[in-house]
Amino acid sequence: MPHNYYSEINLHVTWHTKDSLPLLTPTVEPLVYRYLKQRLVHEKGVFVHEIGGTETHIHLVLTIPPTILLSELIGQLKGASAHEVNQQFGRRDKALQWQTGYGVVSFGTGDLSWVKEYVRNQRQHHAEGKTFDRLERFGVPDTKQDARERA
């Protein structure tokens, strides 16, 4: 079925591990990244530009069609990736759990290369304290903290 739209919906998405624990270990991280990439490649109209993160959170750079309901997609990605990883480990305790919520920022195609670079080099940015606040936010903002920052 042909589509009757043109879109350039570029998104940076991030979410954290449960309680921001360092669950994305060297063993778990590649499994999560591989699963997310495979899952997204099979999502009609979605293009995965980059996946990265640290031990406590993940970043995705995506282009999506306007037909995708983003909250559903992210919920499915989080739930299915945790399930897949935990099944592979076959343990009673969960090797991977995600925290509630996520952050999403849209950006223009002209910014795609620097957003991809930012995600690709997450560990370095965090180690050097050179993170970009808008791309690190997730979940419901702390309105008290936001008010203090504006004051």
Protein backbone atom coordinates (compact mmCIF):
# COMPACT_ATOMS: atom_id res chain seq x y z
CA MET A 1 0.00 0.00 0.00
CA PRO A 2 1.59 3.33 -0.99
CA HIS A 3 1.96 6.05 1.57
CA ASN A 4 0.85 9.61 0.96
CA TYR A 5 3.35 11.50 3.06
CA TYR A 6 6.87 12.77 3.17
CA SER A 7 8.61 12.90 6.52
CA GLU A 8 11.99 13.39 8.16
CA ILE A 9 11.30 12.49 11.77
CA ASN A 10 14.68 12.08 13.41
CA LEU A 11 14.67 11.16 17.08
CA HIS A 12 17.16 10.70 19.86
CA VAL A 13 15.73 8.31 22.47
CA THR A 14 17.15 7.36 25.85
CA TRP A 15 16.10 5.28 28.83
CA HIS A 16 17.76 3.96 31.97
CA THR A 17 18.25 0.63 33.65
CA LYS A 18 16.18 -0.02 36.76
CA ASP A 19 17.32 2.37 39.51
CA SER A 20 20.14 3.38 37.14
CA LEU A 21 22.07 0.27 38.21
CA PRO A 22 25.06 -0.73 36.04
CA LEU A 23 23.18 -3.60 34.37
CA LEU A 24 24.53 -3.05 30.86
CA THR A 25 27.63 -5.09 31.55
CA PRO A 26 30.12 -6.12 28.84
CA THR A 27 28.15 -9.39 28.57
CA VAL A 28 24.65 -7.87 28.53
CA GLU A 29 25.26 -4.75 26.43
CA PRO A 30 26.01 -6.43 23.07
CA LEU A 31 22.96 -8.68 23.47
CA VAL A 32 20.72 -5.67 24.06
CA TYR A 33 22.16 -3.67 21.17
CA ARG A 34 21.90 -6.61 18.77
CA TYR A 35 18.32 -7.34 19.82
CA LEU A 36 17.24 -3.69 19.50
CA LYS A 37 18.84 -3.32 16.08
CA GLN A 38 17.25 -6.53 14.78
CA ARG A 39 13.86 -5.55 16.18
CA LEU A 40 14.01 -2.04 14.70
CA VAL A 41 15.24 -3.20 11.29
CA HIS A 42 12.05 -5.24 10.99
CA GLU A 43 9.83 -2.29 11.98
CA LYS A 44 8.38 -0.89 8.74
CA GLY A 45 9.79 2.51 7.87
CA VAL A 46 12.18 2.75 10.84
CA PHE A 47 15.86 3.40 10.23
CA VAL A 48 18.41 2.86 13.01
CA HIS A 49 21.32 5.28 12.76
CA GLU A 50 23.13 4.54 16.03
CA ILE A 51 22.83 2.67 19.33
CA GLY A 52 25.08 3.46 22.29
CA GLY A 53 25.12 4.11 26.00
CA THR A 54 26.81 3.37 29.27
CA GLU A 55 26.33 0.76 31.99
CA THR A 56 23.24 2.63 33.22
CA HIS A 57 21.42 3.83 30.13
CA ILE A 58 20.92 3.45 26.41
CA HIS A 59 20.68 5.93 23.53
CA LEU A 60 19.09 5.35 20.11
CA VAL A 61 19.17 7.56 17.03
CA LEU A 62 16.23 6.74 14.78
CA THR A 63 14.29 8.01 11.82
CA ILE A 64 10.65 6.94 11.97
CA PRO A 65 7.60 7.35 9.74
CA PRO A 66 4.63 9.38 11.01
CA THR A 67 2.60 6.16 11.26
CA ILE A 68 4.57 4.92 14.30
CA LEU A 69 3.14 5.48 17.77
CA LEU A 70 6.36 6.25 19.60
CA SER A 71 5.21 5.36 23.13
CA GLU A 72 4.13 1.91 21.93
CA LEU A 73 7.36 1.33 20.04
CA ILE A 74 9.54 2.27 23.01
CA GLY A 75 7.43 0.22 25.41
CA GLN A 76 7.77 -2.80 23.13
CA LEU A 77 11.52 -2.28 22.72
CA LYS A 78 12.10 -2.04 26.45
CA GLY A 79 9.90 -4.98 27.39
CA ALA A 80 11.03 -7.30 24.62
CA SER A 81 14.75 -6.53 25.00
CA ALA A 82 14.67 -7.21 28.75
CA HIS A 83 12.70 -10.40 28.19
CA GLU A 84 15.10 -11.59 25.47
CA VAL A 85 18.23 -10.91 27.53
CA ASN A 86 16.78 -12.51 30.65
CA GLN A 87 15.74 -15.58 28.65
CA GLN A 88 19.27 -15.93 27.25
CA PHE A 89 20.75 -15.86 30.74
CA GLY A 90 18.18 -18.37 31.98
CA ARG A 91 18.47 -17.26 35.59
CA ARG A 92 15.79 -16.67 38.18
CA ASP A 93 17.11 -13.20 38.94
CA LYS A 94 16.81 -10.68 36.14
CA ALA A 95 20.03 -9.70 34.39
CA LEU A 96 18.26 -6.71 32.81
CA GLN A 97 15.42 -4.49 33.94
CA TRP A 98 14.50 -1.04 32.63
CA GLN A 99 13.38 1.96 34.64
CA THR A 100 9.97 3.47 33.90
CA GLY A 101 9.99 6.32 31.40
CA TYR A 102 12.16 7.53 28.56
CA GLY A 103 13.38 10.71 26.95
CA VAL A 104 12.93 11.66 23.31
CA VAL A 105 14.22 14.69 21.43
CA SER A 106 13.56 15.42 17.78
CA PHE A 107 16.21 17.03 15.62
CA GLY A 108 16.74 18.13 12.04
CA THR A 109 18.50 16.05 9.44
CA GLY A 110 21.35 18.60 9.43
CA ASP A 111 22.16 17.58 13.02
CA LEU A 112 22.15 13.84 12.32
CA SER A 113 25.93 13.44 12.11
CA TRP A 114 26.71 15.10 15.46
CA VAL A 115 23.86 13.29 17.26
CA LYS A 116 25.18 9.97 15.92
CA GLU A 117 28.71 10.89 17.06
CA TYR A 118 27.40 11.85 20.49
CA VAL A 119 25.68 8.47 20.90
CA ARG A 120 28.59 6.50 19.45
CA ASN A 121 30.97 8.02 22.04
CA GLN A 122 28.79 7.92 25.14
CA ARG A 123 31.38 6.41 27.47
CA GLN A 124 33.93 9.05 26.53
CA HIS A 125 31.45 11.92 26.94
CA HIS A 126 30.45 10.69 30.39
CA ALA A 127 34.05 10.04 31.47
CA GLU A 128 35.02 13.58 30.47
CA GLY A 129 31.85 15.14 31.91
CA LYS A 130 30.96 16.49 28.45
CA THR A 131 27.36 15.36 28.15
CA PHE A 132 24.60 17.26 26.40
CA ASP A 133 21.80 17.69 28.95
CA ARG A 134 18.88 17.58 26.48
CA LEU A 135 20.05 14.20 25.20
CA GLU A 136 20.48 12.72 28.67
CA ARG A 137 17.03 13.47 30.10
CA PHE A 138 14.48 10.71 30.60
CA GLY A 139 11.19 10.16 32.38
CA VAL A 140 9.13 12.79 34.12
CA PRO A 141 11.19 15.92 34.83
CA ASP A 142 11.77 16.91 38.43
CA THR A 143 9.81 20.16 38.44
CA LYS A 144 11.45 21.30 41.68
CA GLN A 145 14.92 20.77 40.18
CA ASP A 146 13.86 22.47 36.92
CA ALA A 147 12.54 25.45 38.89
CA ARG A 148 15.86 25.75 40.78
CA GLU A 149 17.79 25.65 37.48
CA ARG A 150 15.63 28.47 36.06
CA ALA A 151 16.03 30.63 39.18
